[in-house]
Amino acid sequence: MPRIQQNLELDGVPIVRLESAELQVDVAPSVGGRIVGLLNKPAGYEFLWRNRGLRLQLKPSGSEYDPNFYGGIDELLPNDVAEPINGVDCPDHGELWTTPLACELLENRLVLQGRLARFGLHYERTMQLRGDTPWVDFAYQLTNTTDQPREFLWKLHAALAVREGDVIECPARQARIVDPEWSRFKVTQPFAWPTIEGQCANLVPPKDGTMDFFYLYELTAGEMWWRRPSAGLKFGYQFDTSVFPYAWFFASYGGFLDHYTVILEPCTAMPMSVKEASEKRQCSRLEPGETLRSHVSLYAGPI
């Protein structure tokens, strides 16, 4: 049966471990609730990529994200690119990743919560292992505690360890490059995912110094997967497309700070700027006192 263990540390940071016969999931509540370890025990495989050049630590609000990109699974809220939103100056990659969260254990559930000091959203995440299976279930609540409407981006952000031949799967009808400067490809028009310029953009190449960054949309189902056929393993999200209608896909094949990782990013908004997404009515919005609720499931096990 699943169990939860406290009194663990990584780099001096308190860790909470959710564990079953299938999974070992390590969470750092005081560092934005980042998931720092996701081990499938029967396979002996760690799914998450980690920047070995960095120690785990909480960064001050307003810190630049890229030089402090630790890896694991974090979440971006209420924005990605630094910009003013609803009269609030929102820092690079949002506030959540630099917000310590309160931690409470309720039987076999881990409840994390905290308030974004600048933007005024209250964030709550409940995590629970689904018995002795390779599934983790998440229940979320986001509440606008201010007296003004809040428009925002909320994005899951899972950095995975990859190798050549891995496959990324998402049931998206359409895709487009976020920025040609961050891509192997130069097509600026939308294309039918995953084929672009005669190549399969969802097939991981060797570490060749390139990058990719795509918006995936018109999803036929709320799913996004990484798969390693050679090892018979897969990782993925299942989510509600009424909340997360988009899936972003960022990959560094050595081109971004020499990192070799793929990031799966179910997202509530498109494009990157919340201001631009708001003009297109393609971002989340909460009225004063309103709460957004959603469920997400994560799988990390055999194909």
C-alpha atoms as a PDB file:
ATOM      1  CA  MET A   1       0.000   0.000   0.000  1.00  0.00           C
ATOM      2  CA  PRO A   2       1.168   3.586  -0.650  1.00  0.00           C
ATOM      3  CA  ARG A   3       2.862   5.434   2.188  1.00  0.00           C
ATOM      4  CA  ILE A   4       4.328   8.887   2.800  1.00  0.00           C
ATOM      5  CA  GLN A   5       7.686   9.533   4.436  1.00  0.00           C
ATOM      6  CA  GLN A   6       8.989  12.805   5.847  1.00  0.00           C
ATOM      7  CA  ASN A   7      12.287  13.685   7.542  1.00  0.00           C
ATOM      8  CA  LEU A   8      14.228  13.334   4.284  1.00  0.00           C
ATOM      9  CA  GLU A   9      16.530  15.951   2.734  1.00  0.00           C
ATOM     10  CA  LEU A  10      18.154  16.763  -0.589  1.00  0.00           C
ATOM     11  CA  ASP A  11      20.890  19.407  -0.564  1.00  0.00           C
ATOM     12  CA  GLY A  12      19.612  20.381   2.893  1.00  0.00           C
ATOM     13  CA  VAL A  13      16.055  20.937   1.594  1.00  0.00           C
ATOM     14  CA  PRO A  14      13.213  18.974   3.248  1.00  0.00           C
ATOM     15  CA  ILE A  15      11.731  16.277   1.005  1.00  0.00           C
ATOM     16  CA  VAL A  16       8.440  14.401   1.250  1.00  0.00           C
ATOM     17  CA  ARG A  17       8.422  10.948  -0.365  1.00  0.00           C
ATOM     18  CA  LEU A  18       5.310   9.234  -1.696  1.00  0.00           C
ATOM     19  CA  GLU A  19       6.056   5.553  -2.183  1.00  0.00           C
ATOM     20  CA  SER A  20       4.318   2.385  -3.343  1.00  0.00           C
ATOM     21  CA  ALA A  21       5.412  -0.941  -4.800  1.00  0.00           C
ATOM     22  CA  GLU A  22       5.618   0.801  -8.200  1.00  0.00           C
ATOM     23  CA  LEU A  23       6.723   4.383  -7.651  1.00  0.00           C
ATOM     24  CA  GLN A  24       8.935   6.569  -5.493  1.00  0.00           C
ATOM     25  CA  VAL A  25       8.027  10.252  -5.845  1.00  0.00           C
ATOM     26  CA  ASP A  26      10.103  12.921  -4.071  1.00  0.00           C
ATOM     27  CA  VAL A  27       8.612  16.383  -3.556  1.00  0.00           C
ATOM     28  CA  ALA A  28      10.195  19.599  -2.251  1.00  0.00           C
ATOM     29  CA  PRO A  29       7.306  21.639  -0.759  1.00  0.00           C
ATOM     30  CA  SER A  30       9.515  24.592   0.170  1.00  0.00           C
ATOM     31  CA  VAL A  31      10.775  24.965  -3.425  1.00  0.00           C
ATOM     32  CA  GLY A  32       7.465  25.629  -5.151  1.00  0.00           C
ATOM     33  CA  GLY A  33       6.350  22.038  -4.642  1.00  0.00           C
ATOM     34  CA  ARG A  34       8.837  20.821  -7.247  1.00  0.00           C
ATOM     35  CA  ILE A  35       8.918  17.070  -7.878  1.00  0.00           C
ATOM     36  CA  VAL A  36      12.612  16.242  -7.801  1.00  0.00           C
ATOM     37  CA  GLY A  37      12.465  12.475  -8.222  1.00  0.00           C
ATOM     38  CA  LEU A  38      10.180  10.029 -10.024  1.00  0.00           C
ATOM     39  CA  LEU A  39      11.495   6.480  -9.841  1.00  0.00           C
ATOM     40  CA  ASN A  40       9.740   3.437 -11.267  1.00  0.00           C
ATOM     41  CA  LYS A  41      10.919   0.815  -8.789  1.00  0.00           C
ATOM     42  CA  PRO A  42      10.413  -2.435 -10.778  1.00  0.00           C
ATOM     43  CA  ALA A  43      12.284  -0.934 -13.748  1.00  0.00           C
ATOM     44  CA  GLY A  44      14.837   0.866 -11.577  1.00  0.00           C
ATOM     45  CA  TYR A  45      14.396   3.891 -13.841  1.00  0.00           C
ATOM     46  CA  GLU A  46      14.424   7.604 -12.898  1.00  0.00           C
ATOM     47  CA  PHE A  47      12.282   9.498 -15.407  1.00  0.00           C
ATOM     48  CA  LEU A  48      13.222  13.068 -14.520  1.00  0.00           C
ATOM     49  CA  TRP A  49      16.133  15.089 -15.848  1.00  0.00           C
ATOM     50  CA  ARG A  50      18.123  17.101 -13.326  1.00  0.00           C
ATOM     51  CA  ASN A  51      20.691  19.823 -13.839  1.00  0.00           C
ATOM     52  CA  ARG A  52      23.673  18.351 -12.030  1.00  0.00           C
ATOM     53  CA  GLY A  53      25.359  21.730 -11.975  1.00  0.00           C
ATOM     54  CA  LEU A  54      22.827  23.147  -9.503  1.00  0.00           C
ATOM     55  CA  ARG A  55      21.865  22.419  -5.926  1.00  0.00           C
ATOM     56  CA  LEU A  56      18.222  22.298  -4.931  1.00  0.00           C
ATOM     57  CA  GLN A  57      17.335  25.591  -3.256  1.00  0.00           C
ATOM     58  CA  LEU A  58      14.593  28.183  -3.121  1.00  0.00           C
ATOM     59  CA  LYS A  59      15.449  31.219  -5.238  1.00  0.00           C
ATOM     60  CA  PRO A  60      14.321  34.762  -4.397  1.00  0.00           C
ATOM     61  CA  SER A  61      11.169  36.018  -6.079  1.00  0.00           C
ATOM     62  CA  GLY A  62      12.043  37.659  -9.374  1.00  0.00           C
ATOM     63  CA  SER A  63      15.038  35.404 -10.095  1.00  0.00           C
ATOM     64  CA  GLU A  64      15.851  34.618 -13.714  1.00  0.00           C
ATOM     65  CA  TYR A  65      14.668  31.119 -14.551  1.00  0.00           C
ATOM     66  CA  ASP A  66      17.021  29.799 -17.246  1.00  0.00           C
ATOM     67  CA  PRO A  67      20.306  30.031 -15.283  1.00  0.00           C
ATOM     68  CA  ASN A  68      18.483  28.385 -12.347  1.00  0.00           C
ATOM     69  CA  PHE A  69      16.784  25.655 -14.379  1.00  0.00           C
ATOM     70  CA  TYR A  70      17.053  22.709 -11.978  1.00  0.00           C
ATOM     71  CA  GLY A  71      14.815  20.231 -13.816  1.00  0.00           C
ATOM     72  CA  GLY A  72      12.324  17.783 -12.349  1.00  0.00           C
ATOM     73  CA  ILE A  73       8.664  18.787 -12.490  1.00  0.00           C
ATOM     74  CA  ASP A  74       7.634  22.291 -11.563  1.00  0.00           C
ATOM     75  CA  GLU A  75       4.685  24.440 -12.630  1.00  0.00           C
ATOM     76  CA  LEU A  76       4.564  27.928 -14.084  1.00  0.00           C
ATOM     77  CA  LEU A  77       1.972  30.325 -12.641  1.00  0.00           C
ATOM     78  CA  PRO A  78       0.766  32.975 -13.485  1.00  0.00           C
ATOM     79  CA  ASN A  79       3.010  33.552 -16.509  1.00  0.00           C
ATOM     80  CA  ASP A  80       6.019  32.451 -18.533  1.00  0.00           C
ATOM     81  CA  VAL A  81       7.730  35.491 -20.042  1.00  0.00           C
ATOM     82  CA  ALA A  82       8.136  38.387 -17.585  1.00  0.00           C
ATOM     83  CA  GLU A  83       5.425  40.990 -18.250  1.00  0.00           C
ATOM     84  CA  PRO A  84       2.816  43.173 -16.535  1.00  0.00           C
ATOM     85  CA  ILE A  85      -0.551  41.378 -16.232  1.00  0.00           C
ATOM     86  CA  ASN A  86      -3.658  43.078 -14.828  1.00  0.00           C
ATOM     87  CA  GLY A  87      -1.428  45.849 -13.477  1.00  0.00           C
ATOM     88  CA  VAL A  88       0.950  43.434 -11.714  1.00  0.00           C
ATOM     89  CA  ASP A  89       4.602  43.077 -12.746  1.00  0.00           C
ATOM     90  CA  CYS A  90       4.967  39.312 -13.073  1.00  0.00           C
ATOM     91  CA  PRO A  91       8.540  37.956 -12.903  1.00  0.00           C
ATOM     92  CA  ASP A  92      10.286  35.541 -15.247  1.00  0.00           C
ATOM     93  CA  HIS A  93       8.466  32.164 -15.361  1.00  0.00           C
ATOM     94  CA  GLY A  94       5.998  33.378 -12.749  1.00  0.00           C
ATOM     95  CA  GLU A  95       5.886  33.235  -8.975  1.00  0.00           C
ATOM     96  CA  LEU A  96       5.074  29.632  -8.095  1.00  0.00           C
ATOM     97  CA  TRP A  97       8.571  28.245  -8.664  1.00  0.00           C
ATOM     98  CA  THR A  98       9.956  30.702  -6.059  1.00  0.00           C
ATOM     99  CA  THR A  99       7.078  30.306  -3.565  1.00  0.00           C
ATOM    100  CA  PRO A 100       7.475  28.003  -0.527  1.00  0.00           C
ATOM    101  CA  LEU A 101       4.333  25.922  -0.024  1.00  0.00           C
ATOM    102  CA  ALA A 102       2.805  24.721   3.225  1.00  0.00           C
ATOM    103  CA  CYS A 103       2.667  20.945   3.515  1.00  0.00           C
ATOM    104  CA  GLU A 104       0.016  18.767   5.165  1.00  0.00           C
ATOM    105  CA  LEU A 105      -0.378  14.982   5.230  1.00  0.00           C
ATOM    106  CA  LEU A 106      -3.921  13.607   5.192  1.00  0.00           C
ATOM    107  CA  GLU A 107      -3.756   9.808   5.397  1.00  0.00           C
ATOM    108  CA  ASN A 108      -2.107   8.841   2.082  1.00  0.00           C
ATOM    109  CA  ARG A 109      -2.477  12.288   0.482  1.00  0.00           C
ATOM    110  CA  LEU A 110      -0.006  15.158   0.341  1.00  0.00           C
ATOM    111  CA  VAL A 111      -1.592  18.628   0.310  1.00  0.00           C
ATOM    112  CA  LEU A 112       0.515  21.627  -0.752  1.00  0.00           C
ATOM    113  CA  GLN A 113      -0.733  25.188  -0.721  1.00  0.00           C
ATOM    114  CA  GLY A 114       0.396  28.782  -0.811  1.00  0.00           C
ATOM    115  CA  ARG A 115      -0.436  32.257  -2.118  1.00  0.00           C
ATOM    116  CA  LEU A 116       1.345  34.108  -4.902  1.00  0.00           C
ATOM    117  CA  ALA A 117       2.392  37.285  -3.075  1.00  0.00           C
ATOM    118  CA  ARG A 118       2.269  39.608  -6.095  1.00  0.00           C
ATOM    119  CA  PHE A 119      -0.558  38.187  -8.177  1.00  0.00           C
ATOM    120  CA  GLY A 120      -2.850  37.099  -5.371  1.00  0.00           C
ATOM    121  CA  LEU A 121      -3.779  33.614  -6.573  1.00  0.00           C
ATOM    122  CA  HIS A 122      -4.055  30.906  -3.935  1.00  0.00           C
ATOM    123  CA  TYR A 123      -2.640  27.595  -5.161  1.00  0.00           C
ATOM    124  CA  GLU A 124      -3.517  24.171  -3.770  1.00  0.00           C
ATOM    125  CA  ARG A 125      -2.349  20.754  -4.998  1.00  0.00           C
ATOM    126  CA  THR A 126      -3.306  17.396  -3.538  1.00  0.00           C
ATOM    127  CA  MET A 127      -1.119  14.447  -4.595  1.00  0.00           C
ATOM    128  CA  GLN A 128      -1.957  10.781  -4.147  1.00  0.00           C
ATOM    129  CA  LEU A 129      -0.485   7.546  -5.505  1.00  0.00           C
ATOM    130  CA  ARG A 130      -3.103   5.341  -7.136  1.00  0.00           C
ATOM    131  CA  GLY A 131      -2.514   2.200  -5.102  1.00  0.00           C
ATOM    132  CA  ASP A 132       0.330  -0.025  -6.251  1.00  0.00           C
ATOM    133  CA  THR A 133       0.174   1.225  -9.843  1.00  0.00           C
ATOM    134  CA  PRO A 134       2.404   3.567 -11.908  1.00  0.00           C
ATOM    135  CA  TRP A 135      -0.133   6.414 -11.563  1.00  0.00           C
ATOM    136  CA  VAL A 136      -0.081   9.642  -9.534  1.00  0.00           C
ATOM    137  CA  ASP A 137      -3.298  11.669  -9.232  1.00  0.00           C
ATOM    138  CA  PHE A 138      -3.360  15.432  -8.684  1.00  0.00           C
ATOM    139  CA  ALA A 139      -6.325  17.547  -7.580  1.00  0.00           C
ATOM    140  CA  TYR A 140      -5.896  21.305  -8.016  1.00  0.00           C
ATOM    141  CA  GLN A 141      -7.601  24.456  -6.812  1.00  0.00           C
ATOM    142  CA  LEU A 142      -6.628  27.969  -7.924  1.00  0.00           C
ATOM    143  CA  THR A 143      -8.508  30.822  -6.248  1.00  0.00           C
ATOM    144  CA  ASN A 144      -8.427  34.529  -7.001  1.00  0.00           C
ATOM    145  CA  THR A 145      -8.089  36.146  -3.559  1.00  0.00           C
ATOM    146  CA  THR A 146      -7.994  39.718  -4.934  1.00  0.00           C
ATOM    147  CA  ASP A 147     -10.787  42.157  -5.740  1.00  0.00           C
ATOM    148  CA  GLN A 148      -9.771  42.345  -9.418  1.00  0.00           C
ATOM    149  CA  PRO A 149     -10.044  39.847 -12.295  1.00  0.00           C
ATOM    150  CA  ARG A 150      -6.922  37.806 -12.930  1.00  0.00           C
ATOM    151  CA  GLU A 151      -5.820  36.560 -16.353  1.00  0.00           C
ATOM    152  CA  PHE A 152      -3.004  34.055 -16.327  1.00  0.00           C
ATOM    153  CA  LEU A 153      -1.089  31.138 -17.750  1.00  0.00           C
ATOM    154  CA  TRP A 154      -0.788  27.883 -15.807  1.00  0.00           C
ATOM    155  CA  LYS A 155       1.583  25.283 -17.177  1.00  0.00           C
ATOM    156  CA  LEU A 156       2.815  21.867 -16.080  1.00  0.00           C
ATOM    157  CA  HIS A 157       6.540  21.568 -16.761  1.00  0.00           C
ATOM    158  CA  ALA A 158       8.094  18.075 -16.699  1.00  0.00           C
ATOM    159  CA  ALA A 159      11.768  17.819 -17.698  1.00  0.00           C
ATOM    160  CA  LEU A 160      12.582  14.269 -18.777  1.00  0.00           C
ATOM    161  CA  ALA A 161      15.802  12.338 -19.202  1.00  0.00           C
ATOM    162  CA  VAL A 162      16.056  11.435 -22.898  1.00  0.00           C
ATOM    163  CA  ARG A 163      18.137   9.564 -25.414  1.00  0.00           C
ATOM    164  CA  GLU A 164      18.170   9.262 -29.193  1.00  0.00           C
ATOM    165  CA  GLY A 165      15.132   7.410 -30.528  1.00  0.00           C
ATOM    166  CA  ASP A 166      12.687   8.437 -27.782  1.00  0.00           C
ATOM    167  CA  VAL A 167       9.254   9.480 -29.064  1.00  0.00           C
ATOM    168  CA  ILE A 168       6.921  12.298 -27.974  1.00  0.00           C
ATOM    169  CA  GLU A 169       3.236  11.644 -28.575  1.00  0.00           C
ATOM    170  CA  CYS A 170       0.363  14.111 -28.395  1.00  0.00           C
ATOM    171  CA  PRO A 171      -3.009  13.909 -30.198  1.00  0.00           C
ATOM    172  CA  ALA A 172      -2.730  17.424 -31.630  1.00  0.00           C
ATOM    173  CA  ARG A 173      -4.064  18.245 -35.077  1.00  0.00           C
ATOM    174  CA  GLN A 174      -1.999  21.395 -35.404  1.00  0.00           C
ATOM    175  CA  ALA A 175       1.332  22.795 -34.247  1.00  0.00           C
ATOM    176  CA  ARG A 176       3.513  25.802 -34.811  1.00  0.00           C
ATOM    177  CA  ILE A 177       6.989  26.904 -33.844  1.00  0.00           C
ATOM    178  CA  VAL A 178       7.099  29.270 -30.886  1.00  0.00           C
ATOM    179  CA  ASP A 179      10.230  31.048 -32.154  1.00  0.00           C
ATOM    180  CA  PRO A 180      12.490  29.981 -35.064  1.00  0.00           C
ATOM    181  CA  GLU A 181      15.502  31.057 -32.983  1.00  0.00           C
ATOM    182  CA  TRP A 182      14.635  28.193 -30.616  1.00  0.00           C
ATOM    183  CA  SER A 183      14.031  25.518 -33.233  1.00  0.00           C
ATOM    184  CA  ARG A 184      15.753  23.200 -35.708  1.00  0.00           C
ATOM    185  CA  PHE A 185      13.035  24.148 -38.189  1.00  0.00           C
ATOM    186  CA  LYS A 186      12.187  27.482 -39.792  1.00  0.00           C
ATOM    187  CA  VAL A 187       8.587  27.046 -40.982  1.00  0.00           C
ATOM    188  CA  THR A 188       6.545  29.917 -39.559  1.00  0.00           C
ATOM    189  CA  GLN A 189       3.096  28.661 -40.588  1.00  0.00           C
ATOM    190  CA  PRO A 190       1.032  26.114 -38.623  1.00  0.00           C
ATOM    191  CA  PHE A 191       1.602  22.510 -39.671  1.00  0.00           C
ATOM    192  CA  ALA A 192       0.004  19.108 -39.091  1.00  0.00           C
ATOM    193  CA  TRP A 193       1.746  17.612 -36.083  1.00  0.00           C
ATOM    194  CA  PRO A 194       4.240  15.917 -36.017  1.00  0.00           C
ATOM    195  CA  THR A 195       5.603  16.224 -39.586  1.00  0.00           C
ATOM    196  CA  ILE A 196       7.513  19.392 -40.493  1.00  0.00           C
ATOM    197  CA  GLU A 197       9.933  19.949 -43.369  1.00  0.00           C
ATOM    198  CA  GLY A 198       9.651  16.244 -44.161  1.00  0.00           C
ATOM    199  CA  GLN A 199      10.843  15.179 -40.697  1.00  0.00           C
ATOM    200  CA  CYS A 200       9.169  13.754 -37.600  1.00  0.00           C
ATOM    201  CA  ALA A 201       9.536  16.504 -35.003  1.00  0.00           C
ATOM    202  CA  ASN A 202       8.472  14.121 -32.235  1.00  0.00           C
ATOM    203  CA  LEU A 203      11.494  11.829 -32.615  1.00  0.00           C
ATOM    204  CA  VAL A 204      14.385  12.711 -30.267  1.00  0.00           C
ATOM    205  CA  PRO A 205      17.661  13.170 -32.177  1.00  0.00           C
ATOM    206  CA  PRO A 206      21.163  12.722 -30.744  1.00  0.00           C
ATOM    207  CA  LYS A 207      22.684  15.526 -28.713  1.00  0.00           C
ATOM    208  CA  ASP A 208      23.570  17.640 -31.737  1.00  0.00           C
ATOM    209  CA  GLY A 209      23.429  21.197 -30.383  1.00  0.00           C
ATOM    210  CA  THR A 210      19.878  21.979 -31.561  1.00  0.00           C
ATOM    211  CA  MET A 211      16.565  22.908 -29.894  1.00  0.00           C
ATOM    212  CA  ASP A 212      12.829  22.723 -30.536  1.00  0.00           C
ATOM    213  CA  PHE A 213       9.920  24.723 -29.143  1.00  0.00           C
ATOM    214  CA  PHE A 214       6.359  24.088 -30.336  1.00  0.00           C
ATOM    215  CA  TYR A 215       2.790  24.982 -29.486  1.00  0.00           C
ATOM    216  CA  LEU A 216       0.521  21.947 -29.998  1.00  0.00           C
ATOM    217  CA  TYR A 217      -3.215  22.609 -30.243  1.00  0.00           C
ATOM    218  CA  GLU A 218      -6.568  21.335 -31.469  1.00  0.00           C
ATOM    219  CA  LEU A 219      -6.080  18.349 -29.173  1.00  0.00           C
ATOM    220  CA  THR A 220      -8.422  15.407 -29.738  1.00  0.00           C
ATOM    221  CA  ALA A 221      -7.712  14.142 -26.202  1.00  0.00           C
ATOM    222  CA  GLY A 222      -6.041  15.514 -23.074  1.00  0.00           C
ATOM    223  CA  GLU A 223      -2.848  13.464 -23.262  1.00  0.00           C
ATOM    224  CA  MET A 224       0.871  14.018 -23.728  1.00  0.00           C
ATOM    225  CA  TRP A 225       3.439  11.202 -23.610  1.00  0.00           C
ATOM    226  CA  TRP A 226       7.144  10.407 -23.762  1.00  0.00           C
ATOM    227  CA  ARG A 227       7.937   6.878 -24.854  1.00  0.00           C
ATOM    228  CA  ARG A 228      11.156   4.823 -25.033  1.00  0.00           C
ATOM    229  CA  PRO A 229      10.355   1.789 -27.221  1.00  0.00           C
ATOM    230  CA  SER A 230      13.784   0.223 -26.664  1.00  0.00           C
ATOM    231  CA  ALA A 231      13.158  -0.022 -22.903  1.00  0.00           C
ATOM    232  CA  GLY A 232       9.386  -0.486 -22.939  1.00  0.00           C
ATOM    233  CA  LEU A 233       8.823   2.626 -20.782  1.00  0.00           C
ATOM    234  CA  LYS A 234       6.584   5.674 -20.987  1.00  0.00           C
ATOM    235  CA  PHE A 235       5.760   8.821 -19.032  1.00  0.00           C
ATOM    236  CA  GLY A 236       2.755  10.995 -19.594  1.00  0.00           C
ATOM    237  CA  TYR A 237       0.009  13.316 -18.487  1.00  0.00           C
ATOM    238  CA  GLN A 238      -3.749  12.950 -18.795  1.00  0.00           C
ATOM    239  CA  PHE A 239      -5.601  16.229 -18.313  1.00  0.00           C
ATOM    240  CA  ASP A 240      -8.854  18.096 -18.918  1.00  0.00           C
ATOM    241  CA  THR A 241      -8.718  19.974 -22.232  1.00  0.00           C
ATOM    242  CA  SER A 242     -11.348  22.434 -20.995  1.00  0.00           C
ATOM    243  CA  VAL A 243      -8.643  23.657 -18.574  1.00  0.00           C
ATOM    244  CA  PHE A 244      -5.497  22.749 -20.538  1.00  0.00           C
ATOM    245  CA  PRO A 245      -6.442  23.152 -24.224  1.00  0.00           C
ATOM    246  CA  TYR A 246      -2.798  23.457 -25.330  1.00  0.00           C
ATOM    247  CA  ALA A 247       0.379  21.397 -24.992  1.00  0.00           C
ATOM    248  CA  TRP A 248       3.753  23.067 -25.372  1.00  0.00           C
ATOM    249  CA  PHE A 249       6.828  21.017 -26.236  1.00  0.00           C
ATOM    250  CA  PHE A 250      10.312  22.332 -25.483  1.00  0.00           C
ATOM    251  CA  ALA A 251      13.408  20.279 -26.216  1.00  0.00           C
ATOM    252  CA  SER A 252      17.107  20.968 -25.828  1.00  0.00           C
ATOM    253  CA  TYR A 253      19.349  18.590 -27.718  1.00  0.00           C
ATOM    254  CA  GLY A 254      22.388  20.416 -26.396  1.00  0.00           C
ATOM    255  CA  GLY A 255      21.423  23.797 -27.853  1.00  0.00           C
ATOM    256  CA  PHE A 256      20.157  25.318 -24.588  1.00  0.00           C
ATOM    257  CA  LEU A 257      23.023  25.591 -22.101  1.00  0.00           C
ATOM    258  CA  ASP A 258      24.239  22.152 -23.263  1.00  0.00           C
ATOM    259  CA  HIS A 259      21.204  20.473 -21.634  1.00  0.00           C
ATOM    260  CA  TYR A 260      19.802  17.272 -23.168  1.00  0.00           C
ATOM    261  CA  THR A 261      16.170  17.070 -22.117  1.00  0.00           C
ATOM    262  CA  VAL A 262      12.590  17.243 -23.340  1.00  0.00           C
ATOM    263  CA  ILE A 263       9.921  19.180 -21.419  1.00  0.00           C
ATOM    264  CA  LEU A 264       6.245  18.212 -21.656  1.00  0.00           C
ATOM    265  CA  GLU A 265       4.045  21.236 -20.947  1.00  0.00           C
ATOM    266  CA  PRO A 266       0.226  20.976 -20.860  1.00  0.00           C
ATOM    267  CA  CYS A 267      -0.842  24.616 -20.688  1.00  0.00           C
ATOM    268  CA  THR A 268      -3.912  26.795 -20.228  1.00  0.00           C
ATOM    269  CA  ALA A 269      -2.735  29.519 -22.605  1.00  0.00           C
ATOM    270  CA  MET A 270      -1.248  30.249 -26.028  1.00  0.00           C
ATOM    271  CA  PRO A 271       0.863  32.149 -27.053  1.00  0.00           C
ATOM    272  CA  MET A 272       3.587  32.728 -24.465  1.00  0.00           C
ATOM    273  CA  SER A 273       2.590  36.303 -23.581  1.00  0.00           C
ATOM    274  CA  VAL A 274      -0.479  36.351 -21.352  1.00  0.00           C
ATOM    275  CA  LYS A 275      -1.298  39.817 -22.703  1.00  0.00           C
ATOM    276  CA  GLU A 276      -1.366  38.466 -26.263  1.00  0.00           C
ATOM    277  CA  ALA A 277      -3.239  35.328 -25.195  1.00  0.00           C
ATOM    278  CA  SER A 278      -5.820  37.500 -23.435  1.00  0.00           C
ATOM    279  CA  GLU A 279      -6.409  39.491 -26.606  1.00  0.00           C
ATOM    280  CA  LYS A 280      -7.091  36.183 -28.389  1.00  0.00           C
ATOM    281  CA  ARG A 281      -9.188  34.879 -25.454  1.00  0.00           C
ATOM    282  CA  GLN A 282      -6.716  32.031 -25.106  1.00  0.00           C
ATOM    283  CA  CYS A 283      -5.717  32.217 -21.434  1.00  0.00           C
ATOM    284  CA  SER A 284      -7.196  31.420 -18.019  1.00  0.00           C
ATOM    285  CA  ARG A 285      -9.309  33.996 -16.214  1.00  0.00           C
ATOM    286  CA  LEU A 286     -10.679  34.120 -12.673  1.00  0.00           C
ATOM    287  CA  GLU A 287     -13.047  36.730 -11.302  1.00  0.00           C
ATOM    288  CA  PRO A 288     -12.605  37.936  -7.695  1.00  0.00           C
ATOM    289  CA  GLY A 289     -13.278  35.049  -5.326  1.00  0.00           C
ATOM    290  CA  GLU A 290     -13.631  32.528  -8.163  1.00  0.00           C
ATOM    291  CA  THR A 291     -11.945  29.098  -7.974  1.00  0.00           C
ATOM    292  CA  LEU A 292     -10.653  26.917 -10.800  1.00  0.00           C
ATOM    293  CA  ARG A 293     -10.620  23.177 -10.058  1.00  0.00           C
ATOM    294  CA  SER A 294      -8.980  20.493 -12.139  1.00  0.00           C
ATOM    295  CA  HIS A 295      -7.627  16.940 -11.995  1.00  0.00           C
ATOM    296  CA  VAL A 296      -4.455  15.707 -13.671  1.00  0.00           C
ATOM    297  CA  SER A 297      -3.035  12.180 -13.749  1.00  0.00           C
ATOM    298  CA  LEU A 298       0.597  11.242 -14.322  1.00  0.00           C
ATOM    299  CA  TYR A 299       1.832   7.841 -15.491  1.00  0.00           C
ATOM    300  CA  ALA A 300       5.415   6.572 -15.190  1.00  0.00           C
ATOM    301  CA  GLY A 301       5.801   2.900 -16.026  1.00  0.00           C
ATOM    302  CA  PRO A 302       5.789   0.213 -18.703  1.00  0.00           C
ATOM    303  CA  ILE A 303       4.342   0.758 -22.171  1.00  0.00           C
END
